[in-house]
Structure formats: C-alpha cells, structure tokens
Protein backbone atom coordinates (compact mmCIF):
# COMPACT_ATOMS: atom_id res chain seq x y z
CA UNK A 1 -25.12 -62.22 -121.37
CA UNK A 2 -28.30 -60.21 -121.35
CA UNK A 3 -28.90 -56.52 -122.39
CA UNK A 4 -27.43 -53.73 -120.45
CA UNK A 5 -30.13 -51.92 -119.24
CA UNK A 6 -28.60 -49.19 -116.78
CA UNK A 7 -27.01 -48.06 -119.79
CA UNK A 8 -30.41 -47.23 -121.09
CA UNK A 9 -31.79 -43.55 -120.08
CA UNK A 10 -35.50 -43.06 -118.46
CA UNK A 11 -37.20 -40.61 -120.75
CA UNK A 12 -39.56 -38.77 -119.18
CA UNK A 13 -40.00 -38.11 -115.08
CA UNK A 14 -41.78 -36.13 -112.39
CA UNK A 15 -39.47 -34.42 -110.24
CA UNK A 16 -38.65 -30.77 -108.32
CA UNK A 17 -36.16 -28.27 -109.92
CA UNK A 18 -33.31 -27.99 -107.54
CA UNK A 19 -33.15 -23.96 -108.48
CA UNK A 20 -36.87 -23.10 -106.82
CA UNK A 21 -38.29 -26.36 -105.44
CA UNK A 22 -40.99 -26.45 -107.76
CA UNK A 23 -42.35 -29.48 -109.47
CA UNK A 24 -41.44 -30.17 -113.08
CA UNK A 25 -41.50 -32.58 -115.82
CA UNK A 26 -37.97 -33.59 -117.03
CA UNK A 27 -37.69 -35.16 -120.16
CA UNK A 28 -33.93 -36.07 -122.51
CA UNK A 29 -33.88 -33.83 -125.47
CA UNK A 30 -34.38 -36.49 -128.53
CA UNK A 31 -33.63 -33.75 -130.88
CA UNK A 32 -30.03 -33.63 -129.81
CA UNK A 33 -29.12 -37.22 -129.13
CA UNK A 34 -27.29 -39.05 -129.68
CA UNK A 35 -24.20 -36.87 -129.81
CA UNK A 36 -25.45 -34.49 -127.27
CA UNK A 37 -27.16 -35.99 -124.26
CA UNK A 38 -29.16 -32.91 -122.52
CA UNK A 39 -32.19 -33.07 -119.66
CA UNK A 40 -34.84 -30.14 -119.76
CA UNK A 41 -36.79 -29.35 -116.95
CA UNK A 42 -40.52 -27.77 -117.78
CA UNK A 43 -42.23 -26.16 -115.48
CA UNK A 44 -45.13 -24.27 -117.58
CA UNK A 45 -47.46 -25.72 -120.07
CA UNK A 46 -46.21 -23.58 -123.17
CA UNK A 47 -42.94 -25.07 -122.31
CA UNK A 48 -43.56 -28.69 -122.50
CA UNK A 49 -46.58 -28.18 -125.90
CA UNK A 50 -43.19 -27.08 -127.41
CA UNK A 51 -41.38 -30.07 -126.30
CA UNK A 52 -43.78 -32.27 -127.94
CA UNK A 53 -44.29 -30.21 -131.26
CA UNK A 54 -40.48 -30.04 -131.67
CA UNK A 55 -40.19 -33.70 -130.68
CA UNK A 56 -38.33 -33.02 -127.95
CA UNK A 57 -40.20 -36.05 -126.43
CA UNK A 58 -42.14 -38.41 -128.70
CA UNK A 59 -42.86 -41.99 -129.25
CA UNK A 60 -46.86 -42.58 -128.77
CA UNK A 61 -46.86 -44.37 -124.83
CA UNK A 62 -44.41 -41.51 -123.66
CA UNK A 63 -46.39 -38.57 -125.26
CA UNK A 64 -49.18 -40.43 -123.24
CA UNK A 65 -47.38 -39.83 -119.96
CA UNK A 66 -46.27 -36.84 -120.75
CA UNK A 67 -49.45 -35.51 -121.72
CA UNK A 68 -50.64 -36.80 -118.45
CA UNK A 69 -47.81 -34.90 -116.27
CA UNK A 70 -48.86 -31.72 -118.66
CA UNK A 71 -51.99 -31.36 -117.06
CA UNK A 72 -50.93 -31.97 -113.43
CA UNK A 73 -48.29 -29.28 -114.23
CA UNK A 74 -50.49 -26.80 -114.97
CA UNK A 75 -52.71 -27.63 -111.79
CA UNK A 76 -49.55 -27.59 -109.66
CA UNK A 77 -47.38 -24.24 -111.40
CA UNK A 78 -49.67 -22.41 -113.08
CA UNK A 79 -53.14 -22.55 -111.98
CA UNK A 80 -54.54 -20.09 -109.71
CA UNK A 81 -58.30 -20.95 -108.82
CA UNK A 82 -59.21 -21.61 -105.15
CA UNK A 83 -62.48 -23.31 -106.19
CA UNK A 84 -63.05 -26.74 -107.54
CA UNK A 85 -65.52 -25.31 -110.00
CA UNK A 86 -63.33 -22.90 -111.78
CA UNK A 87 -60.51 -25.13 -111.28
CA UNK A 88 -61.87 -28.11 -113.24
CA UNK A 89 -62.40 -25.89 -116.18
CA UNK A 90 -58.89 -25.09 -116.49
CA UNK A 91 -57.79 -28.83 -116.17
CA UNK A 92 -61.00 -29.57 -119.18
CA UNK A 93 -58.83 -26.18 -121.24
CA UNK A 94 -55.54 -28.05 -120.37
CA UNK A 95 -56.23 -31.21 -121.11
CA UNK A 96 -58.06 -30.23 -124.92
CA UNK A 97 -54.91 -28.13 -125.57
CA UNK A 98 -52.28 -30.43 -125.08
CA UNK A 99 -54.08 -33.53 -126.72
CA UNK A 100 -54.20 -31.25 -130.00
CA UNK A 101 -50.62 -30.82 -129.61
CA UNK A 102 -49.93 -33.20 -132.38
CA UNK A 103 -53.01 -35.09 -133.95
CA UNK A 104 -52.21 -38.25 -135.09
CA UNK A 105 -50.56 -39.96 -131.86
CA UNK A 106 -53.94 -40.93 -129.83
CA UNK A 107 -52.06 -41.42 -126.88
CA UNK A 108 -51.65 -37.95 -126.15
CA UNK A 109 -55.14 -36.98 -125.57
CA UNK A 110 -55.35 -40.51 -124.01
CA UNK A 111 -52.98 -39.33 -121.06
CA UNK A 112 -54.67 -35.69 -120.81
CA UNK A 113 -58.29 -37.23 -120.64
CA UNK A 114 -57.24 -39.90 -118.30
CA UNK A 115 -56.16 -37.20 -115.84
CA UNK A 116 -59.03 -34.88 -116.37
CA UNK A 117 -61.47 -37.23 -116.20
CA UNK A 118 -60.08 -38.43 -112.72
CA UNK A 119 -60.26 -34.90 -111.71
CA UNK A 120 -63.76 -34.73 -112.45
CA UNK A 121 -64.58 -38.06 -111.07
CA UNK A 122 -62.64 -37.12 -107.42
CA UNK A 123 -64.46 -33.96 -107.67
CA UNK A 124 -67.93 -35.14 -107.53
CA UNK A 125 -66.76 -37.24 -104.40
CA UNK A 126 -66.63 -34.00 -102.71
CA UNK A 127 -62.96 -33.66 -102.55
CA UNK A 128 -61.43 -30.42 -101.27
CA UNK A 129 -59.22 -28.36 -104.25
CA UNK A 130 -55.76 -29.02 -102.35
CA UNK A 131 -56.97 -33.21 -102.35
CA UNK A 132 -58.16 -33.29 -105.86
CA UNK A 133 -54.44 -31.84 -106.87
CA UNK A 134 -52.48 -33.69 -105.17
CA UNK A 135 -54.25 -36.79 -106.83
CA UNK A 136 -53.98 -35.69 -110.16
CA UNK A 137 -49.99 -35.21 -109.70
CA UNK A 138 -50.18 -38.53 -107.95
CA UNK A 139 -52.10 -40.37 -111.09
CA UNK A 140 -49.77 -38.80 -113.38
CA UNK A 141 -46.76 -40.55 -111.94
CA UNK A 142 -48.73 -43.67 -111.49
CA UNK A 143 -49.47 -43.66 -115.38
CA UNK A 144 -45.67 -43.67 -115.92
CA UNK A 145 -45.19 -46.72 -113.74
CA UNK A 146 -47.90 -48.53 -115.56
CA UNK A 147 -46.34 -47.52 -119.08
CA UNK A 148 -43.52 -49.73 -118.03
CA UNK A 149 -44.96 -52.53 -116.74
CA UNK A 150 -47.52 -52.33 -119.63
CA UNK A 151 -44.00 -52.23 -121.82
CA UNK A 152 -42.52 -55.12 -120.04
CA UNK A 153 -45.45 -57.26 -120.54
CA UNK A 154 -45.70 -56.67 -123.93
CA UNK A 155 -42.24 -58.01 -124.24
CA UNK A 156 -43.15 -61.12 -122.83
CA UNK A 157 -45.60 -61.80 -125.01
CA UNK A 158 -43.56 -60.81 -128.33
CA UNK A 159 -40.48 -62.81 -127.55
CA UNK A 160 -42.43 -65.37 -128.01
CA UNK A 161 -43.18 -65.19 -131.35
CA UNK A 162 -39.19 -64.67 -131.84
CA UNK A 163 -37.27 -67.87 -132.60
CA UNK A 164 -33.96 -69.00 -131.81
CA UNK A 165 -31.36 -67.34 -134.23
CA UNK A 166 -33.79 -64.33 -135.18
CA UNK A 167 -32.75 -61.71 -136.85
CA UNK A 168 -35.34 -59.02 -137.04
CA UNK A 169 -36.04 -55.75 -138.60
CA UNK A 170 -37.37 -52.40 -136.89
CA UNK A 171 -38.82 -49.02 -138.32
CA UNK A 172 -38.15 -45.71 -136.50
CA UNK A 173 -37.49 -45.24 -132.66
CA UNK A 174 -40.39 -47.89 -130.71
CA UNK A 175 -37.39 -48.54 -127.95
CA UNK A 176 -37.10 -47.43 -124.37
CA UNK A 177 -36.57 -43.55 -125.59
CA UNK A 178 -40.09 -43.61 -127.22
CA UNK A 179 -42.10 -44.68 -123.72
CA UNK A 180 -41.78 -43.85 -120.28
CA UNK A 181 -39.01 -46.76 -120.11
CA UNK A 182 -38.36 -50.08 -121.66
CA UNK A 183 -39.95 -49.66 -124.74
CA UNK A 184 -42.98 -51.75 -126.87
CA UNK A 185 -40.75 -53.35 -129.76
CA UNK A 186 -37.53 -52.27 -127.36
CA UNK A 187 -39.49 -54.19 -124.99
CA UNK A 188 -39.78 -57.36 -127.36
CA UNK A 189 -36.06 -57.20 -128.62
CA UNK A 190 -34.38 -56.89 -124.96
CA UNK A 191 -36.35 -59.97 -123.77
CA UNK A 192 -35.35 -62.10 -126.69
CA UNK A 193 -31.82 -60.91 -126.49
CA UNK A 194 -31.91 -61.98 -122.64
CA UNK A 195 -33.54 -65.58 -123.88
CA UNK A 196 -30.67 -66.07 -126.50
CA UNK A 197 -32.89 -65.71 -129.13
CA UNK A 198 -31.85 -62.78 -131.32
CA UNK A 199 -29.36 -62.89 -133.57
CA UNK A 200 -29.42 -59.29 -135.38
CA UNK A 201 -31.23 -56.26 -135.43
CA UNK A 202 -31.40 -54.34 -139.15
CA UNK A 203 -32.60 -50.62 -137.61
CA UNK A 204 -34.31 -48.63 -140.88
CA UNK A 205 -32.82 -44.92 -140.09
CA UNK A 206 -36.40 -43.34 -140.50
CA UNK A 207 -36.09 -40.28 -142.80
CA UNK A 208 -36.36 -37.36 -142.36
CA UNK A 209 -35.29 -36.97 -138.39
CA UNK A 210 -33.64 -40.28 -138.44
CA UNK A 211 -34.78 -41.68 -134.90
CA UNK A 212 -33.90 -44.92 -136.17
CA UNK A 213 -30.61 -43.96 -137.09
CA UNK A 214 -29.95 -41.42 -134.30
CA UNK A 215 -31.89 -42.98 -131.10
CA UNK A 216 -32.64 -47.18 -132.04
CA UNK A 217 -29.84 -47.70 -132.81
CA UNK A 218 -28.13 -45.37 -130.12
CA UNK A 219 -30.41 -47.37 -127.65
CA UNK A 220 -29.48 -50.95 -129.06
CA UNK A 221 -26.01 -50.42 -129.05
CA UNK A 222 -25.80 -49.09 -125.43
CA UNK A 223 -27.46 -52.01 -124.57
CA UNK A 224 -25.27 -54.34 -126.22
CA UNK A 225 -27.70 -55.64 -128.68
CA UNK A 226 -26.25 -56.56 -132.25
CA UNK A 227 -27.40 -53.99 -134.43
CA UNK A 228 -27.00 -52.55 -138.03
CA UNK A 229 -28.24 -49.52 -139.55
CA UNK A 230 -29.64 -49.46 -143.17
CA UNK A 231 -31.35 -46.79 -145.57
CA UNK A 232 -35.28 -47.17 -145.64
CA UNK A 233 -34.71 -47.64 -149.29
CA UNK A 234 -32.91 -50.93 -148.21
CA UNK A 235 -35.30 -52.75 -146.31
CA UNK A 236 -36.93 -54.79 -149.25
CA UNK A 237 -33.47 -55.67 -150.45
CA UNK A 238 -32.45 -56.55 -147.15
CA UNK A 239 -35.97 -58.91 -146.90
CA UNK A 240 -34.91 -60.38 -150.70
CA UNK A 241 -31.85 -61.64 -149.62
CA UNK A 242 -32.95 -63.68 -146.80
CA UNK A 243 -31.70 -61.97 -143.68
CA UNK A 244 -34.99 -61.25 -142.06
CA UNK A 245 -37.17 -63.26 -139.92
CA UNK A 246 -39.68 -60.88 -138.69
CA UNK A 247 -40.39 -57.30 -138.70
CA UNK A 248 -41.64 -55.51 -135.75
CA UNK A 249 -42.68 -51.74 -135.53
CA UNK A 250 -44.65 -49.83 -133.01
CA UNK A 251 -47.95 -47.74 -133.62
CA UNK A 252 -49.04 -44.49 -133.17
CA UNK A 253 -52.89 -45.06 -133.70
CA UNK A 254 -54.76 -48.17 -134.05
CA UNK A 255 -58.17 -48.15 -135.89
CA UNK A 256 -61.11 -50.60 -134.76
CA UNK A 257 -60.36 -52.86 -137.90
CA UNK A 258 -56.83 -53.12 -137.58
CA UNK A 259 -55.16 -50.52 -139.77
CA UNK A 260 -52.00 -49.07 -138.32
CA UNK A 261 -50.66 -45.42 -138.34
CA UNK A 262 -47.66 -45.47 -137.70
CA UNK A 263 -43.91 -43.50 -138.76
CA UNK A 264 -44.08 -42.38 -142.26
CA UNK A 265 -42.34 -45.53 -144.40
CA UNK A 266 -43.97 -48.22 -142.26
CA UNK A 267 -46.34 -49.24 -144.73
CA UNK A 268 -43.81 -49.80 -147.68
CA UNK A 269 -41.57 -52.04 -144.91
CA UNK A 270 -45.10 -54.16 -144.45
CA UNK A 271 -45.56 -54.25 -148.23
CA UNK A 272 -41.79 -55.57 -149.17
CA UNK A 273 -42.92 -57.82 -145.77
CA UNK A 274 -46.15 -59.65 -147.24
CA UNK A 275 -44.21 -60.15 -150.63
CA UNK A 276 -41.41 -61.93 -149.09
CA UNK A 277 -43.21 -63.87 -146.44
CA UNK A 278 -42.05 -62.06 -143.57
CA UNK A 279 -44.24 -62.04 -140.78
CA UNK A 280 -45.27 -58.36 -139.59
CA UNK A 281 -46.01 -57.53 -135.96
CA UNK A 282 -47.17 -54.39 -134.32
CA UNK A 283 -45.95 -53.78 -130.80
CA UNK A 284 -48.73 -50.77 -128.93
CA UNK A 285 -50.50 -50.92 -125.29
CA UNK A 286 -54.30 -50.86 -125.60
CA UNK A 287 -54.26 -47.35 -125.17
CA UNK A 288 -52.98 -46.73 -128.75
CA UNK A 289 -56.45 -48.52 -130.03
CA UNK A 290 -58.90 -46.10 -131.05
CA UNK A 291 -62.56 -47.85 -131.22
CA UNK A 292 -63.91 -44.28 -132.50
CA UNK A 293 -61.95 -44.47 -135.93
CA UNK A 294 -63.06 -47.40 -138.45
CA UNK A 295 -60.24 -47.42 -140.08
CA UNK A 296 -57.16 -45.48 -141.44
CA UNK A 297 -59.08 -43.06 -143.97
CA UNK A 298 -60.49 -41.59 -140.28
CA UNK A 299 -57.09 -40.56 -138.77
CA UNK A 300 -55.84 -37.18 -139.23
CA UNK A 301 -51.95 -37.43 -140.38
CA UNK A 302 -49.74 -35.06 -139.03
CA UNK A 303 -47.85 -33.05 -141.41
CA UNK A 304 -44.51 -31.79 -140.47
CA UNK A 305 -42.29 -28.65 -141.58
CA UNK A 306 -40.46 -28.88 -144.96
CA UNK A 307 -37.48 -27.71 -143.69
CA UNK A 308 -37.13 -31.22 -142.76
CA UNK A 309 -36.49 -32.73 -146.00
CA UNK A 310 -35.15 -29.27 -147.18
CA UNK A 311 -31.78 -30.04 -144.93
CA UNK A 312 -30.39 -31.48 -141.73
CA UNK A 313 -29.69 -30.84 -138.61
CA UNK A 314 -26.25 -31.06 -136.21
CA UNK A 315 -25.59 -30.68 -133.00
CA UNK A 316 -22.35 -31.20 -130.88
CA UNK A 317 -19.81 -29.23 -128.97
CA UNK A 318 -16.65 -27.63 -130.22
CA UNK A 319 -13.49 -28.06 -128.02
CA UNK A 320 -10.48 -25.88 -129.58
CA UNK A 321 -7.31 -26.35 -129.10
CA UNK A 322 -6.16 -23.52 -130.08
CA UNK A 323 -5.64 -20.22 -128.17
CA UNK A 324 -6.54 -18.24 -131.45
CA UNK A 325 -9.80 -20.73 -132.04
CA UNK A 326 -11.33 -19.77 -128.53
CA UNK A 327 -10.42 -16.14 -128.02
CA UNK A 328 -12.86 -16.24 -131.62
CA UNK A 329 -15.21 -18.22 -129.92
CA UNK A 330 -15.40 -16.29 -126.99
CA UNK A 331 -15.54 -12.86 -128.57
CA UNK A 332 -18.44 -14.45 -130.58
CA UNK A 333 -20.44 -15.77 -127.36
CA UNK A 334 -19.54 -13.11 -125.09
CA UNK A 335 -23.34 -11.99 -125.13
CA UNK A 336 -24.31 -15.11 -124.75
CA UNK A 337 -26.29 -17.06 -127.63
CA UNK A 338 -24.93 -15.89 -131.10
CA UNK A 339 -27.10 -16.72 -134.30
CA UNK A 340 -25.07 -16.85 -137.56
CA UNK A 341 -26.82 -16.80 -140.43
CA UNK A 342 -25.18 -18.56 -143.91
CA UNK A 343 -25.71 -17.47 -147.87
CA UNK A 344 -28.46 -20.29 -149.07
CA UNK A 345 -30.27 -19.88 -145.74
CA UNK A 346 -27.90 -22.06 -143.48
CA UNK A 347 -27.88 -21.22 -139.75
CA UNK A 348 -26.02 -21.82 -136.15
CA UNK A 349 -26.40 -21.23 -133.21
CA UNK A 350 -23.28 -21.22 -130.93
CA UNK A 351 -23.26 -20.81 -127.16
CA UNK A 352 -20.91 -21.57 -124.40
CA UNK A 353 -21.25 -24.82 -122.31
CA UNK A 354 -19.32 -27.00 -120.21
CA UNK A 355 -15.69 -25.58 -121.04
CA UNK A 356 -16.70 -25.65 -124.73
CA UNK A 357 -18.98 -24.14 -127.69
CA UNK A 358 -22.05 -25.93 -128.07
CA UNK A 359 -24.09 -25.33 -131.91
CA UNK A 360 -27.26 -26.25 -133.40
CA UNK A 361 -27.13 -25.67 -136.88
CA UNK A 362 -29.07 -26.43 -140.00
CA UNK A 363 -28.30 -26.80 -143.25
CA UNK A 364 -30.22 -26.81 -146.46
CA UNK A 365 -29.42 -29.09 -148.81
CA UNK A 366 -32.28 -28.80 -151.63
CA UNK A 367 -33.27 -26.24 -154.11
CA UNK A 368 -34.56 -23.08 -152.86
CA UNK A 369 -38.21 -22.80 -152.46
CA UNK A 370 -39.17 -26.31 -153.81
CA UNK A 371 -42.37 -27.27 -152.81
CA UNK A 372 -42.22 -29.93 -149.99
CA UNK A 373 -44.81 -32.89 -149.24
CA UNK A 374 -44.07 -34.04 -145.58
CA UNK A 375 -46.21 -36.51 -143.62
CA UNK A 376 -45.09 -37.90 -140.34
CA UNK A 377 -46.76 -41.13 -140.82
CA UNK A 378 -49.12 -43.51 -143.17
CA UNK A 379 -51.53 -45.76 -142.87
CA UNK A 380 -50.75 -49.74 -143.45
CA UNK A 381 -53.77 -52.09 -144.08
CA UNK A 382 -55.10 -54.40 -141.32
CA UNK A 383 -54.23 -56.88 -143.78
CA UNK A 384 -50.39 -56.45 -143.82
CA UNK A 385 -50.25 -56.94 -140.28
CA UNK A 386 -49.61 -60.84 -138.93
CA UNK A 387 -50.29 -59.69 -135.55
CA UNK A 388 -50.58 -56.63 -132.79
CA UNK A 389 -49.30 -57.51 -129.59
CA UNK A 390 -50.70 -55.90 -126.95
CA UNK A 391 -50.07 -56.22 -123.01
CA UNK A 392 -53.19 -58.46 -123.27
CA UNK A 393 -51.74 -60.51 -125.53
CA UNK A 394 -51.13 -61.44 -129.47
CA UNK A 395 -54.16 -60.27 -131.24
CA UNK A 396 -55.02 -60.66 -135.14
CA UNK A 397 -55.75 -57.04 -136.51
CA UNK A 398 -59.94 -58.52 -137.34
CA UNK A 399 -60.08 -59.24 -133.07
CA UNK A 400 -59.65 -55.91 -132.16
C-alpha cells in the first residue's frame, strides 16, 4: 500500500486573504504541531520575517520558497513606489533583509536573490512597473512548484540506494514540512515505501526543538510509514545493534568541498555511522550547495535563544467538562488573551478558541541563570558523507 500523501499537508502557499482580498503567504505553523494544526496568513514583511526567526516555517527548501514569496509580498502589499528605480531599490533592501533572517540556511538568501535578480533582469528590458510586480509574484509561485518537482526527483534517485527490507534512520525533519511539499529525505522515504523496499524508519528526536519527535514522526505516521522515535543519544546504540541499513539526512548548506551543515546532532550520527559501516546519505536540492564556501569553517552557525534548552514549550486546547472550570476560564479570558506568570519564570498564555481555551506555555526545567550554549547546526566533514543526493543524481562529495 503506497504512502497516503493526501494526509500530509502542504507547508506554504500563496493566496488571497478572505477577509480583505489582499495577497498573503499562508503557512502551517510548525511551532504548534503536532497537537495543534494552525494556518497563519502573513500580509507584511515583518510578520513573515518573525515566522522565519521563530521557526513557524523552517527547513532549508521551505525557507527558499518563503523568501521568494516574501519579496513578492512586500512588492504587492507594502511598496508605495510608482517608478521602477525606487521599486528596485526597495526589492534589493528587502532581499538583503530577508536573506539575513537566519544566517546558516543558504536557501533563504538564494530564494530572495532569485526574485531580486529576476526583477532587475526584466526591468532592463523596459517592462513597466505593473508588469514587473506581476512577474515576480508568478516567479515566487513557480519556485514553490519547482521545489516539489525537485523533491520528487531527489526521491527517485535516493530510492535507488534503498535495498528491500531496509531500516533507515533520519534526523530532524527533512520531510514534506521542510519543503513546499514532499520533502528531500521524505521523498526518498515515500518513494522507497511505495516501491515496497522500506521496512522501518528510526526517527531521531532532534533536541532542543524536537523537530524529529514533533514533525517527522507525525508526518510519517500520517502517511502510513512504519516508524519509531528514539532520543538523539540512542542513535549509536541502535546502529550498533544492527538495526540500521542506511542513514538519510537533509542539509541547510553544503560547501564546495562537500562538508555538510545540518541540524545539530548530524555530526554525531555521521561519526557513529562511519564506525558501524552504515552508508550516510545527504538529500538536498542543488540550491543548497554554496560554492562560495570552501568548507564548513566558512559557514556562520546560528546561535539560538538559550531558553530553548532551559525549558520546554507546550501548546494545546483545554475543553472543560465542568461548569465551574468553564466559568473560571471565561473570567480569565474575558478581555482576550491572558498571560500568566509563575514562580521560576514559567509562563502561559491562555485564550479562547473553537469552543475551548487554547494555551501556549513555557516551563523552565534547569537551574536559574544557567549559562547555555545553543548552536542550531553542526558541520559534518565530507569524508563522513557517503553521497549527496540532489535533483540531478547521486554525487560523491568530492565531485561537487
């Protein structure tokens, strides 16, 4: 039975807001999954920039798509320019700004630059401003469609490396949620599963934001792919037990020499794979390859807020079955969203939604004032990578 992809939602799309008819970028909020599925609509650059930084939208290919859309969104909803020259200057500034929202994933600046360069190219041909605006919106939507096609090609190439009865391991979420649709590693998994070659997927939890535990496992279960969750520290033991035939991970940037920058914890997995003679594959579109970075030391590594390690977040909906409890929550939320602060820096936002009371909470689990080091990515040297799978085929790192 093939993977049920109808149950795997799209993560990003362009459309018009029903309330005001203006263009918007729609995203599935990945900070709330899997317990809450909420679609956000952004109509201004500030909002989509915040969504990128907060990781409501994440995954290198998805960031490339959303960056392209962000430039087009600014042009549609915020640009007041009536002349081509000032409009191009604004496009340049927006592309630079959105490309720096997160420094490590090269696709973010790639998507913004692609729209920027296209705008300049068309302007040189003498196209009027209304036509230029329409053209970059069309390009942003085209980039989303290209991403899905690219992913399906990665899946076809990668599935050829999967042997019948395979049990594979992955890290973080390089599935459909990390792209416009279908995924990079996800594409390999779904394609191999459709070909009846995949027996099982080990999903690493991916601390501290648990993209594997929250997102990848949810996505695979929705598609009907057999999987099991492990903590990051269990990966080497599972390999040692002989339960892994191959490892597939994504990438946020691939350097000219084949070094791979990916979610923190990838390096540990690659080292263990080398020790136990397990193939270690990287799945990413060609847009993730940065030929200007000679090796991993040239890539800026994003440092995240220490609170991601100091505690954990919880989101959900309370549906009281007791009138007394309902009245208490009604009183609490009668003026709208209510922020509750607790001893020990815990906090919770409570608000009404869908007949219940939704909450977003953060609870500290570590000592107060503990120094924290929280890099979002690490660098896996090229000599630990068996092959890199792109839309153009399977490549040895040295061949890049």
